[in-house]
Amino acid sequence: MHAITIPEPGGPEALVWAEVPDPVPGDGEVLVEVVAGAVNRADVLQRQGFYNPPPGASPYPGLECSGRILALGPGVTGWAVGDTVCALLAGGGYAEKVAVPAGQLLPVPEGVDPVEAAALPEVTATVWSNVFMVSHLRPGETFLVHGGSSGIGTMAIQLAKAVGARVAVTAGSPEKLARCAELGADILINYREQDFVEELRENTAGAGADVILDLMGAKYLDRNVQALAVNGRLAIIGLQGGAKGELNLGALLTKRAAVTATSLRGRPLHEKAAIVAAVREHVWPLIDGGVVRPVVDRALPMADAAEAHRVLESSTHIGKVLLVAPSAGV
């Protein structure tokens, strides 16, 4: 088979479409013929040499894919050869085939194109686990997501609205904010021109946000705490603004607030399986019913992964950037 390899860390040109050995499914795994994969910030970090796959994972980038089951490994039940699936991965989505633990498989939802289904596993698992399983967003609460036009942001807006929350977003252009509004965002904040702390206070009668989903890390830490409501919850899932910041514990105590930080890729298999099962139970019916949909900016041939990384790093996209494998036939 072919896969995107990284012979040496570097810029987008470090991504090389090369012939590699086929994966073999182990106990509890299935072999998937990839139709499409999605591009995530973690893939950029891996390409740069900063985020290696966990032990035992595929060495190729790609944290999610869609495709067809080619073979079942020992002990796999509930799936059959030929099933059309999408999958949460620890690596290997930028390839023609990938071995996947059966607990990380999801059926392609009703009415979703098999290529676009590659946009779903990582964002739904990340948003559901952090916003709902950890931060317990409830109907009527105010939810702030930074980077509202990103893949994570576009899914977070839709899921928060689906449960009856009021949604605030930050984004860097009027065009991106307009797309967030189309998805249901109520409070639109241009972070280049506005202070999100002040905007939240003005739009919530001074209360602030009950839940914040943050990809920036250190750069936003102090202001995120300022923006939290009493009993607020801050969920950190990215470090685009740095890894080390100063945390005002007094402000947390005063607000009886909580800060959590999680990653998905390196979790044990049983934790990933539990998250995927929760997504299938709670999110998949919303997608089947057309309430929530994947947001795809563009789909490029998998061999053009370097261009896909340039798009992601330029931050000009809205939603997900996909890589389409030769098996997709498009």
C-alpha atoms as a PDB file:
ATOM      1  CA  MET A   1       0.000   0.000   0.000  1.00  0.00           C
ATOM      2  CA  HIS A   2       0.950   3.689  -0.023  1.00  0.00           C
ATOM      3  CA  ALA A   3       0.997   6.069   2.927  1.00  0.00           C
ATOM      4  CA  ILE A   4       2.189   9.554   3.790  1.00  0.00           C
ATOM      5  CA  THR A   5       5.537   9.094   5.527  1.00  0.00           C
ATOM      6  CA  ILE A   6       7.789  11.555   7.352  1.00  0.00           C
ATOM      7  CA  PRO A   7      11.401  10.567   6.583  1.00  0.00           C
ATOM      8  CA  GLU A   8      12.657  13.661   8.413  1.00  0.00           C
ATOM      9  CA  PRO A   9      10.702  16.248  10.459  1.00  0.00           C
ATOM     10  CA  GLY A  10      10.168  19.595   8.765  1.00  0.00           C
ATOM     11  CA  GLY A  11       7.747  21.733   6.814  1.00  0.00           C
ATOM     12  CA  PRO A  12       4.890  20.469   4.666  1.00  0.00           C
ATOM     13  CA  GLU A  13       7.399  19.234   2.085  1.00  0.00           C
ATOM     14  CA  ALA A  14       8.534  16.630   4.656  1.00  0.00           C
ATOM     15  CA  LEU A  15       5.360  14.631   3.899  1.00  0.00           C
ATOM     16  CA  VAL A  16       6.182  11.919   1.335  1.00  0.00           C
ATOM     17  CA  TRP A  17       3.681   9.588  -0.405  1.00  0.00           C
ATOM     18  CA  ALA A  18       5.555   6.278  -0.407  1.00  0.00           C
ATOM     19  CA  GLU A  19       5.037   2.543  -0.668  1.00  0.00           C
ATOM     20  CA  VAL A  20       4.987   0.845   2.742  1.00  0.00           C
ATOM     21  CA  PRO A  21       4.052  -2.592   4.133  1.00  0.00           C
ATOM     22  CA  ASP A  22       0.364  -3.395   4.595  1.00  0.00           C
ATOM     23  CA  PRO A  23      -0.832  -3.385   8.219  1.00  0.00           C
ATOM     24  CA  VAL A  24      -2.064  -6.644   9.731  1.00  0.00           C
ATOM     25  CA  PRO A  25      -4.991  -6.528  12.175  1.00  0.00           C
ATOM     26  CA  GLY A  26      -4.179  -7.922  15.599  1.00  0.00           C
ATOM     27  CA  ASP A  27      -6.446  -9.240  18.330  1.00  0.00           C
ATOM     28  CA  GLY A  28      -9.563  -7.096  18.571  1.00  0.00           C
ATOM     29  CA  GLU A  29      -8.690  -5.062  15.465  1.00  0.00           C
ATOM     30  CA  VAL A  30     -10.101  -4.698  11.977  1.00  0.00           C
ATOM     31  CA  LEU A  31      -8.341  -3.810   8.735  1.00  0.00           C
ATOM     32  CA  VAL A  32      -9.917  -0.793   7.033  1.00  0.00           C
ATOM     33  CA  GLU A  33      -9.436   0.250   3.432  1.00  0.00           C
ATOM     34  CA  VAL A  34      -9.262   4.025   3.798  1.00  0.00           C
ATOM     35  CA  VAL A  35     -11.602   6.189   1.729  1.00  0.00           C
ATOM     36  CA  ALA A  36     -10.549   9.468   3.344  1.00  0.00           C
ATOM     37  CA  GLY A  37      -8.651  10.862   6.294  1.00  0.00           C
ATOM     38  CA  ALA A  38      -8.824  14.252   8.007  1.00  0.00           C
ATOM     39  CA  VAL A  39      -6.079  16.740   8.823  1.00  0.00           C
ATOM     40  CA  ASN A  40      -5.639  17.845  12.439  1.00  0.00           C
ATOM     41  CA  ARG A  41      -3.244  20.125  14.301  1.00  0.00           C
ATOM     42  CA  ALA A  42      -1.705  17.046  15.918  1.00  0.00           C
ATOM     43  CA  ASP A  43      -0.610  15.887  12.453  1.00  0.00           C
ATOM     44  CA  VAL A  44       1.235  19.171  11.946  1.00  0.00           C
ATOM     45  CA  LEU A  45       3.017  18.702  15.268  1.00  0.00           C
ATOM     46  CA  GLN A  46       3.952  15.139  14.322  1.00  0.00           C
ATOM     47  CA  ARG A  47       5.334  16.334  10.980  1.00  0.00           C
ATOM     48  CA  GLN A  48       7.435  18.900  12.849  1.00  0.00           C
ATOM     49  CA  GLY A  49       8.825  16.209  15.160  1.00  0.00           C
ATOM     50  CA  PHE A  50       6.996  17.333  18.315  1.00  0.00           C
ATOM     51  CA  TYR A  51       4.226  14.753  18.725  1.00  0.00           C
ATOM     52  CA  ASN A  52       5.199  11.151  18.127  1.00  0.00           C
ATOM     53  CA  PRO A  53       2.530   8.419  17.975  1.00  0.00           C
ATOM     54  CA  PRO A  54       1.996   6.391  21.148  1.00  0.00           C
ATOM     55  CA  PRO A  55       3.776   3.022  21.386  1.00  0.00           C
ATOM     56  CA  GLY A  56       2.309   0.420  19.056  1.00  0.00           C
ATOM     57  CA  ALA A  57       0.433   2.925  16.886  1.00  0.00           C
ATOM     58  CA  SER A  58       0.940   3.406  13.171  1.00  0.00           C
ATOM     59  CA  PRO A  59       3.925   5.686  12.439  1.00  0.00           C
ATOM     60  CA  TYR A  60       1.972   7.578   9.778  1.00  0.00           C
ATOM     61  CA  PRO A  61      -0.039  10.724  10.617  1.00  0.00           C
ATOM     62  CA  GLY A  62      -3.823  10.810  10.700  1.00  0.00           C
ATOM     63  CA  LEU A  63      -6.107  10.616  13.749  1.00  0.00           C
ATOM     64  CA  GLU A  64      -9.338   9.689  11.942  1.00  0.00           C
ATOM     65  CA  CYS A  65     -10.542   8.113   8.737  1.00  0.00           C
ATOM     66  CA  SER A  66     -13.488   6.653   6.890  1.00  0.00           C
ATOM     67  CA  GLY A  67     -13.459   3.493   4.829  1.00  0.00           C
ATOM     68  CA  ARG A  68     -14.556  -0.107   4.356  1.00  0.00           C
ATOM     69  CA  ILE A  69     -13.698  -3.129   6.493  1.00  0.00           C
ATOM     70  CA  LEU A  70     -11.426  -5.509   4.587  1.00  0.00           C
ATOM     71  CA  ALA A  71     -10.710  -8.072   7.308  1.00  0.00           C
ATOM     72  CA  LEU A  72     -11.474  -8.895  10.933  1.00  0.00           C
ATOM     73  CA  GLY A  73      -8.787  -9.741  13.435  1.00  0.00           C
ATOM     74  CA  PRO A  74      -9.183 -12.457  16.084  1.00  0.00           C
ATOM     75  CA  GLY A  75     -11.945 -11.848  18.611  1.00  0.00           C
ATOM     76  CA  VAL A  76     -13.817  -9.136  16.702  1.00  0.00           C
ATOM     77  CA  THR A  77     -17.603  -9.313  16.829  1.00  0.00           C
ATOM     78  CA  GLY A  78     -20.357  -6.926  15.775  1.00  0.00           C
ATOM     79  CA  TRP A  79     -18.676  -5.922  12.509  1.00  0.00           C
ATOM     80  CA  ALA A  80     -18.460  -7.584   9.105  1.00  0.00           C
ATOM     81  CA  VAL A  81     -16.221  -7.393   6.056  1.00  0.00           C
ATOM     82  CA  GLY A  82     -17.650  -4.752   3.733  1.00  0.00           C
ATOM     83  CA  ASP A  83     -19.131  -2.534   6.472  1.00  0.00           C
ATOM     84  CA  THR A  84     -18.693   1.188   5.779  1.00  0.00           C
ATOM     85  CA  VAL A  85     -17.189   2.808   8.847  1.00  0.00           C
ATOM     86  CA  CYS A  86     -15.341   5.778  10.233  1.00  0.00           C
ATOM     87  CA  ALA A  87     -12.750   5.444  12.962  1.00  0.00           C
ATOM     88  CA  LEU A  88     -10.852   7.240  15.701  1.00  0.00           C
ATOM     89  CA  LEU A  89      -7.133   6.483  15.313  1.00  0.00           C
ATOM     90  CA  ALA A  90      -3.885   6.897  17.204  1.00  0.00           C
ATOM     91  CA  GLY A  91      -2.206   7.254  13.798  1.00  0.00           C
ATOM     92  CA  GLY A  92      -2.301   5.894  10.257  1.00  0.00           C
ATOM     93  CA  GLY A  93      -5.162   7.816   8.672  1.00  0.00           C
ATOM     94  CA  TYR A  94      -2.933   9.163   5.889  1.00  0.00           C
ATOM     95  CA  ALA A  95      -2.694   5.737   4.263  1.00  0.00           C
ATOM     96  CA  GLU A  96      -4.552   3.371   1.962  1.00  0.00           C
ATOM     97  CA  LYS A  97      -5.129   0.872   4.786  1.00  0.00           C
ATOM     98  CA  VAL A  98      -5.078   1.028   8.570  1.00  0.00           C
ATOM     99  CA  ALA A  99      -5.576  -1.439  11.446  1.00  0.00           C
ATOM    100  CA  VAL A 100      -8.106  -0.116  13.968  1.00  0.00           C
ATOM    101  CA  PRO A 101      -9.216  -1.383  17.408  1.00  0.00           C
ATOM    102  CA  ALA A 102     -12.842  -2.440  16.971  1.00  0.00           C
ATOM    103  CA  GLY A 103     -13.883  -0.265  19.919  1.00  0.00           C
ATOM    104  CA  GLN A 104     -12.887   2.837  17.964  1.00  0.00           C
ATOM    105  CA  LEU A 105     -15.142   2.142  14.977  1.00  0.00           C
ATOM    106  CA  LEU A 106     -18.377   3.937  14.188  1.00  0.00           C
ATOM    107  CA  PRO A 107     -20.848   3.277  11.361  1.00  0.00           C
ATOM    108  CA  VAL A 108     -21.036   6.003   8.733  1.00  0.00           C
ATOM    109  CA  PRO A 109     -24.132   7.990   9.783  1.00  0.00           C
ATOM    110  CA  GLU A 110     -27.298   8.081   7.729  1.00  0.00           C
ATOM    111  CA  GLY A 111     -27.104  10.569   4.867  1.00  0.00           C
ATOM    112  CA  VAL A 112     -23.403  11.364   5.306  1.00  0.00           C
ATOM    113  CA  ASP A 113     -21.113  10.902   2.324  1.00  0.00           C
ATOM    114  CA  PRO A 114     -18.417   8.265   3.037  1.00  0.00           C
ATOM    115  CA  VAL A 115     -15.679  10.799   2.280  1.00  0.00           C
ATOM    116  CA  GLU A 116     -17.151  13.469   4.570  1.00  0.00           C
ATOM    117  CA  ALA A 117     -17.548  10.880   7.338  1.00  0.00           C
ATOM    118  CA  ALA A 118     -13.776  11.137   7.833  1.00  0.00           C
ATOM    119  CA  ALA A 119     -14.440  14.584   9.349  1.00  0.00           C
ATOM    120  CA  LEU A 120     -16.420  13.159  12.265  1.00  0.00           C
ATOM    121  CA  PRO A 121     -14.591  10.782  14.650  1.00  0.00           C
ATOM    122  CA  GLU A 122     -11.931  13.019  16.184  1.00  0.00           C
ATOM    123  CA  VAL A 123     -14.060  16.143  16.547  1.00  0.00           C
ATOM    124  CA  THR A 124     -17.104  14.360  17.930  1.00  0.00           C
ATOM    125  CA  ALA A 125     -14.992  12.366  20.396  1.00  0.00           C
ATOM    126  CA  THR A 126     -13.068  15.450  21.504  1.00  0.00           C
ATOM    127  CA  VAL A 127     -16.106  17.677  21.909  1.00  0.00           C
ATOM    128  CA  TRP A 128     -18.368  15.115  23.528  1.00  0.00           C
ATOM    129  CA  SER A 129     -15.751  13.895  26.002  1.00  0.00           C
ATOM    130  CA  ASN A 130     -14.618  17.368  27.087  1.00  0.00           C
ATOM    131  CA  VAL A 131     -17.758  19.479  26.880  1.00  0.00           C
ATOM    132  CA  PHE A 132     -20.279  16.910  28.056  1.00  0.00           C
ATOM    133  CA  MET A 133     -18.574  13.948  29.787  1.00  0.00           C
ATOM    134  CA  VAL A 134     -16.071  16.100  31.736  1.00  0.00           C
ATOM    135  CA  SER A 135     -17.525  19.630  31.822  1.00  0.00           C
ATOM    136  CA  HIS A 136     -21.206  18.579  31.917  1.00  0.00           C
ATOM    137  CA  LEU A 137     -22.629  21.374  29.769  1.00  0.00           C
ATOM    138  CA  ARG A 138     -26.350  21.678  30.517  1.00  0.00           C
ATOM    139  CA  PRO A 139     -29.341  23.230  28.751  1.00  0.00           C
ATOM    140  CA  GLY A 140     -29.580  26.979  29.350  1.00  0.00           C
ATOM    141  CA  GLU A 141     -25.886  27.405  30.187  1.00  0.00           C
ATOM    142  CA  THR A 142     -23.508  29.653  28.256  1.00  0.00           C
ATOM    143  CA  PHE A 143     -20.746  27.896  26.333  1.00  0.00           C
ATOM    144  CA  LEU A 144     -17.692  29.577  24.809  1.00  0.00           C
ATOM    145  CA  VAL A 145     -15.564  27.836  22.183  1.00  0.00           C
ATOM    146  CA  HIS A 146     -12.379  29.451  20.967  1.00  0.00           C
ATOM    147  CA  GLY A 147     -11.679  29.002  17.269  1.00  0.00           C
ATOM    148  CA  GLY A 148     -15.346  28.604  16.431  1.00  0.00           C
ATOM    149  CA  SER A 149     -14.691  28.139  12.714  1.00  0.00           C
ATOM    150  CA  SER A 150     -12.227  25.269  13.197  1.00  0.00           C
ATOM    151  CA  GLY A 151     -13.155  21.614  12.860  1.00  0.00           C
ATOM    152  CA  ILE A 152     -13.539  21.343  16.628  1.00  0.00           C
ATOM    153  CA  GLY A 153     -15.363  24.668  16.822  1.00  0.00           C
ATOM    154  CA  THR A 154     -17.923  23.946  14.120  1.00  0.00           C
ATOM    155  CA  MET A 155     -18.841  20.668  15.800  1.00  0.00           C
ATOM    156  CA  ALA A 156     -18.876  22.202  19.294  1.00  0.00           C
ATOM    157  CA  ILE A 157     -21.308  24.919  18.188  1.00  0.00           C
ATOM    158  CA  GLN A 158     -23.736  22.398  16.759  1.00  0.00           C
ATOM    159  CA  LEU A 159     -23.640  19.978  19.689  1.00  0.00           C
ATOM    160  CA  ALA A 160     -23.975  22.730  22.287  1.00  0.00           C
ATOM    161  CA  LYS A 161     -26.973  24.191  20.458  1.00  0.00           C
ATOM    162  CA  ALA A 162     -28.502  20.722  20.122  1.00  0.00           C
ATOM    163  CA  VAL A 163     -28.585  20.361  23.925  1.00  0.00           C
ATOM    164  CA  GLY A 164     -30.034  23.831  24.462  1.00  0.00           C
ATOM    165  CA  ALA A 165     -26.984  25.876  25.452  1.00  0.00           C
ATOM    166  CA  ARG A 166     -26.271  29.479  24.487  1.00  0.00           C
ATOM    167  CA  VAL A 167     -23.107  29.535  22.360  1.00  0.00           C
ATOM    168  CA  ALA A 168     -20.369  32.162  22.167  1.00  0.00           C
ATOM    169  CA  VAL A 169     -17.452  31.872  19.749  1.00  0.00           C
ATOM    170  CA  THR A 170     -14.200  33.613  18.963  1.00  0.00           C
ATOM    171  CA  ALA A 171     -12.878  33.764  15.407  1.00  0.00           C
ATOM    172  CA  GLY A 172     -10.547  36.011  13.447  1.00  0.00           C
ATOM    173  CA  SER A 173     -12.640  37.379  10.584  1.00  0.00           C
ATOM    174  CA  PRO A 174     -16.201  38.483   9.778  1.00  0.00           C
ATOM    175  CA  GLU A 175     -16.474  35.643   7.271  1.00  0.00           C
ATOM    176  CA  LYS A 176     -15.612  33.039   9.875  1.00  0.00           C
ATOM    177  CA  LEU A 177     -17.977  34.571  12.406  1.00  0.00           C
ATOM    178  CA  ALA A 178     -20.764  34.588   9.822  1.00  0.00           C
ATOM    179  CA  ARG A 179     -20.298  30.856   9.282  1.00  0.00           C
ATOM    180  CA  CYS A 180     -20.399  30.305  13.048  1.00  0.00           C
ATOM    181  CA  ALA A 181     -23.679  32.229  13.172  1.00  0.00           C
ATOM    182  CA  GLU A 182     -25.105  30.001  10.434  1.00  0.00           C
ATOM    183  CA  LEU A 183     -24.272  26.990  12.606  1.00  0.00           C
ATOM    184  CA  GLY A 184     -26.132  28.532  15.561  1.00  0.00           C
ATOM    185  CA  ALA A 185     -23.638  30.661  17.493  1.00  0.00           C
ATOM    186  CA  ASP A 186     -25.367  33.416  19.492  1.00  0.00           C
ATOM    187  CA  ILE A 187     -22.450  35.614  20.588  1.00  0.00           C
ATOM    188  CA  LEU A 188     -19.850  36.417  17.913  1.00  0.00           C
ATOM    189  CA  ILE A 189     -16.460  37.750  19.035  1.00  0.00           C
ATOM    190  CA  ASN A 190     -13.686  38.829  16.665  1.00  0.00           C
ATOM    191  CA  TYR A 191     -10.620  38.125  18.784  1.00  0.00           C
ATOM    192  CA  ARG A 192      -8.503  40.471  16.627  1.00  0.00           C
ATOM    193  CA  GLU A 193     -10.695  43.449  17.510  1.00  0.00           C
ATOM    194  CA  GLN A 194     -12.606  42.567  20.700  1.00  0.00           C
ATOM    195  CA  ASP A 195     -11.833  41.376  24.227  1.00  0.00           C
ATOM    196  CA  PHE A 196     -13.720  38.135  24.726  1.00  0.00           C
ATOM    197  CA  VAL A 197     -13.852  38.634  28.506  1.00  0.00           C
ATOM    198  CA  GLU A 198     -15.626  41.959  28.142  1.00  0.00           C
ATOM    199  CA  GLU A 199     -17.878  40.743  25.339  1.00  0.00           C
ATOM    200  CA  LEU A 200     -19.015  37.774  27.413  1.00  0.00           C
ATOM    201  CA  ARG A 201     -19.739  39.967  30.424  1.00  0.00           C
ATOM    202  CA  GLU A 202     -21.784  42.353  28.300  1.00  0.00           C
ATOM    203  CA  ASN A 203     -23.779  39.554  26.727  1.00  0.00           C
ATOM    204  CA  THR A 204     -24.411  37.565  29.917  1.00  0.00           C
ATOM    205  CA  ALA A 205     -25.311  40.365  32.327  1.00  0.00           C
ATOM    206  CA  GLY A 206     -21.886  39.985  33.915  1.00  0.00           C
ATOM    207  CA  ALA A 207     -22.188  36.257  34.583  1.00  0.00           C
ATOM    208  CA  GLY A 208     -19.635  34.864  32.112  1.00  0.00           C
ATOM    209  CA  ALA A 209     -19.384  31.437  30.527  1.00  0.00           C
ATOM    210  CA  ASP A 210     -20.378  28.241  32.315  1.00  0.00           C
ATOM    211  CA  VAL A 211     -18.129  26.115  30.082  1.00  0.00           C
ATOM    212  CA  ILE A 212     -15.155  27.170  27.939  1.00  0.00           C
ATOM    213  CA  LEU A 213     -13.481  24.901  25.384  1.00  0.00           C
ATOM    214  CA  ASP A 214      -9.977  26.218  24.749  1.00  0.00           C
ATOM    215  CA  LEU A 215      -7.321  25.332  22.166  1.00  0.00           C
ATOM    216  CA  MET A 216      -4.888  28.134  23.045  1.00  0.00           C
ATOM    217  CA  GLY A 217      -3.526  27.065  26.424  1.00  0.00           C
ATOM    218  CA  ALA A 218      -1.189  29.452  28.240  1.00  0.00           C
ATOM    219  CA  LYS A 219      -1.948  32.565  26.170  1.00  0.00           C
ATOM    220  CA  TYR A 220      -5.621  32.534  27.181  1.00  0.00           C
ATOM    221  CA  LEU A 221      -5.361  30.928  30.627  1.00  0.00           C
ATOM    222  CA  ASP A 222      -5.762  34.041  32.795  1.00  0.00           C
ATOM    223  CA  ARG A 223      -8.485  35.595  30.616  1.00  0.00           C
ATOM    224  CA  ASN A 224     -10.347  32.298  30.394  1.00  0.00           C
ATOM    225  CA  VAL A 225     -10.506  32.154  34.186  1.00  0.00           C
ATOM    226  CA  GLN A 226     -11.726  35.776  34.227  1.00  0.00           C
ATOM    227  CA  ALA A 227     -14.417  34.835  31.677  1.00  0.00           C
ATOM    228  CA  LEU A 228     -15.751  31.900  33.700  1.00  0.00           C
ATOM    229  CA  ALA A 229     -19.026  32.131  35.562  1.00  0.00           C
ATOM    230  CA  VAL A 230     -19.418  30.982  39.152  1.00  0.00           C
ATOM    231  CA  ASN A 231     -19.137  27.184  39.115  1.00  0.00           C
ATOM    232  CA  GLY A 232     -17.644  27.485  35.600  1.00  0.00           C
ATOM    233  CA  ARG A 233     -15.574  24.800  33.900  1.00  0.00           C
ATOM    234  CA  LEU A 234     -12.591  25.426  31.624  1.00  0.00           C
ATOM    235  CA  ALA A 235     -11.582  22.522  29.374  1.00  0.00           C
ATOM    236  CA  ILE A 236      -8.156  22.892  27.731  1.00  0.00           C
ATOM    237  CA  ILE A 237      -7.530  20.692  24.688  1.00  0.00           C
ATOM    238  CA  GLY A 238      -4.719  22.517  22.880  1.00  0.00           C
ATOM    239  CA  LEU A 239      -1.544  24.497  23.418  1.00  0.00           C
ATOM    240  CA  GLN A 240      -1.427  26.724  20.345  1.00  0.00           C
ATOM    241  CA  GLY A 241      -0.689  29.680  22.633  1.00  0.00           C
ATOM    242  CA  GLY A 242       1.946  27.942  24.739  1.00  0.00           C
ATOM    243  CA  ALA A 243       2.196  25.313  27.474  1.00  0.00           C
ATOM    244  CA  LYS A 244       3.166  27.320  30.573  1.00  0.00           C
ATOM    245  CA  GLY A 245       0.996  29.999  32.128  1.00  0.00           C
ATOM    246  CA  GLU A 246       0.200  31.497  35.530  1.00  0.00           C
ATOM    247  CA  LEU A 247      -3.017  30.296  37.123  1.00  0.00           C
ATOM    248  CA  ASN A 248      -4.799  32.529  39.655  1.00  0.00           C
ATOM    249  CA  LEU A 249      -5.995  30.001  42.220  1.00  0.00           C
ATOM    250  CA  GLY A 250      -7.710  32.734  44.188  1.00  0.00           C
ATOM    251  CA  ALA A 251      -9.958  33.504  41.234  1.00  0.00           C
ATOM    252  CA  LEU A 252     -10.758  29.810  40.885  1.00  0.00           C
ATOM    253  CA  LEU A 253     -11.626  29.564  44.580  1.00  0.00           C
ATOM    254  CA  THR A 254     -13.826  32.646  44.437  1.00  0.00           C
ATOM    255  CA  LYS A 255     -15.737  31.258  41.467  1.00  0.00           C
ATOM    256  CA  ARG A 256     -15.670  27.644  42.665  1.00  0.00           C
ATOM    257  CA  ALA A 257     -14.429  26.924  39.153  1.00  0.00           C
ATOM    258  CA  ALA A 258     -12.571  23.984  37.640  1.00  0.00           C
ATOM    259  CA  VAL A 259      -9.832  23.633  35.020  1.00  0.00           C
ATOM    260  CA  THR A 260      -9.278  20.370  33.179  1.00  0.00           C
ATOM    261  CA  ALA A 261      -6.772  19.480  30.466  1.00  0.00           C
ATOM    262  CA  THR A 262      -7.085  16.381  28.336  1.00  0.00           C
ATOM    263  CA  SER A 263      -5.703  14.763  25.206  1.00  0.00           C
ATOM    264  CA  LEU A 264      -7.252  11.929  23.236  1.00  0.00           C
ATOM    265  CA  ARG A 265      -4.522  10.249  21.210  1.00  0.00           C
ATOM    266  CA  GLY A 266      -2.561   8.622  24.032  1.00  0.00           C
ATOM    267  CA  ARG A 267      -5.493   7.402  26.136  1.00  0.00           C
ATOM    268  CA  PRO A 268      -5.783   3.676  26.900  1.00  0.00           C
ATOM    269  CA  LEU A 269      -7.913   1.660  24.493  1.00  0.00           C
ATOM    270  CA  HIS A 270     -10.697   1.131  27.019  1.00  0.00           C
ATOM    271  CA  GLU A 271     -11.045   4.881  27.588  1.00  0.00           C
ATOM    272  CA  LYS A 272     -11.200   5.572  23.856  1.00  0.00           C
ATOM    273  CA  ALA A 273     -13.761   2.808  23.428  1.00  0.00           C
ATOM    274  CA  ALA A 274     -15.926   4.322  26.180  1.00  0.00           C
ATOM    275  CA  ILE A 275     -15.791   7.750  24.524  1.00  0.00           C
ATOM    276  CA  VAL A 276     -16.614   6.293  21.092  1.00  0.00           C
ATOM    277  CA  ALA A 277     -19.529   4.358  22.599  1.00  0.00           C
ATOM    278  CA  ALA A 278     -20.859   7.567  24.178  1.00  0.00           C
ATOM    279  CA  VAL A 279     -20.527   9.393  20.857  1.00  0.00           C
ATOM    280  CA  ARG A 280     -22.445   6.637  19.088  1.00  0.00           C
ATOM    281  CA  GLU A 281     -25.186   6.789  21.725  1.00  0.00           C
ATOM    282  CA  HIS A 282     -25.568  10.559  22.003  1.00  0.00           C
ATOM    283  CA  VAL A 283     -24.131  12.206  18.872  1.00  0.00           C
ATOM    284  CA  TRP A 284     -24.915   9.737  16.084  1.00  0.00           C
ATOM    285  CA  PRO A 285     -28.710  10.107  16.439  1.00  0.00           C
ATOM    286  CA  LEU A 286     -28.272  13.876  16.007  1.00  0.00           C
ATOM    287  CA  ILE A 287     -26.277  13.321  12.821  1.00  0.00           C
ATOM    288  CA  ASP A 288     -28.710  10.691  11.545  1.00  0.00           C
ATOM    289  CA  GLY A 289     -31.513  13.214  12.094  1.00  0.00           C
ATOM    290  CA  GLY A 290     -29.705  16.026  10.296  1.00  0.00           C
ATOM    291  CA  VAL A 291     -29.422  18.178  13.430  1.00  0.00           C
ATOM    292  CA  VAL A 292     -25.611  18.008  13.355  1.00  0.00           C
ATOM    293  CA  ARG A 293     -23.509  17.712  10.197  1.00  0.00           C
ATOM    294  CA  PRO A 294     -19.801  17.583   9.361  1.00  0.00           C
ATOM    295  CA  VAL A 295     -18.405  20.878   8.099  1.00  0.00           C
ATOM    296  CA  VAL A 296     -15.813  20.297   5.364  1.00  0.00           C
ATOM    297  CA  ASP A 297     -13.767  23.118   3.866  1.00  0.00           C
ATOM    298  CA  ARG A 298     -12.132  21.066   1.121  1.00  0.00           C
ATOM    299  CA  ALA A 299     -10.987  17.570   0.152  1.00  0.00           C
ATOM    300  CA  LEU A 300      -7.629  17.028  -1.526  1.00  0.00           C
ATOM    301  CA  PRO A 301      -5.981  13.875  -2.904  1.00  0.00           C
ATOM    302  CA  MET A 302      -4.073  12.109  -0.131  1.00  0.00           C
ATOM    303  CA  ALA A 303      -0.816  12.401  -2.045  1.00  0.00           C
ATOM    304  CA  ASP A 304      -1.245  16.195  -1.744  1.00  0.00           C
ATOM    305  CA  ALA A 305      -1.034  16.101   2.061  1.00  0.00           C
ATOM    306  CA  ALA A 306       1.622  18.832   1.988  1.00  0.00           C
ATOM    307  CA  GLU A 307      -0.866  21.271   0.467  1.00  0.00           C
ATOM    308  CA  ALA A 308      -3.494  20.248   3.035  1.00  0.00           C
ATOM    309  CA  HIS A 309      -1.016  21.085   5.820  1.00  0.00           C
ATOM    310  CA  ARG A 310      -0.322  24.470   4.246  1.00  0.00           C
ATOM    311  CA  VAL A 311      -4.042  25.198   4.249  1.00  0.00           C
ATOM    312  CA  LEU A 312      -4.373  24.196   7.901  1.00  0.00           C
ATOM    313  CA  GLU A 313      -1.378  26.246   8.981  1.00  0.00           C
ATOM    314  CA  SER A 314      -2.663  29.299   7.094  1.00  0.00           C
ATOM    315  CA  SER A 315      -5.884  29.175   9.148  1.00  0.00           C
ATOM    316  CA  THR A 316      -7.908  30.222   6.119  1.00  0.00           C
ATOM    317  CA  HIS A 317     -10.180  27.165   6.270  1.00  0.00           C
ATOM    318  CA  ILE A 318     -13.567  26.745   7.912  1.00  0.00           C
ATOM    319  CA  GLY A 319     -14.290  23.279   9.292  1.00  0.00           C
ATOM    320  CA  LYS A 320     -12.256  20.241   8.298  1.00  0.00           C
ATOM    321  CA  VAL A 321      -9.674  19.645   5.574  1.00  0.00           C
ATOM    322  CA  LEU A 322      -9.834  16.093   4.192  1.00  0.00           C
ATOM    323  CA  LEU A 323      -7.452  13.832   2.307  1.00  0.00           C
ATOM    324  CA  VAL A 324      -9.077  11.470  -0.172  1.00  0.00           C
ATOM    325  CA  ALA A 325      -7.479   8.075  -0.785  1.00  0.00           C
ATOM    326  CA  PRO A 326      -7.277   6.503  -4.254  1.00  0.00           C
ATOM    327  CA  SER A 327      -9.838   3.891  -3.153  1.00  0.00           C
ATOM    328  CA  ALA A 328     -12.525   6.599  -2.953  1.00  0.00           C
ATOM    329  CA  GLY A 329     -12.711   6.659  -6.739  1.00  0.00           C
ATOM    330  CA  VAL A 330     -13.206  10.447  -6.867  1.00  0.00           C
END
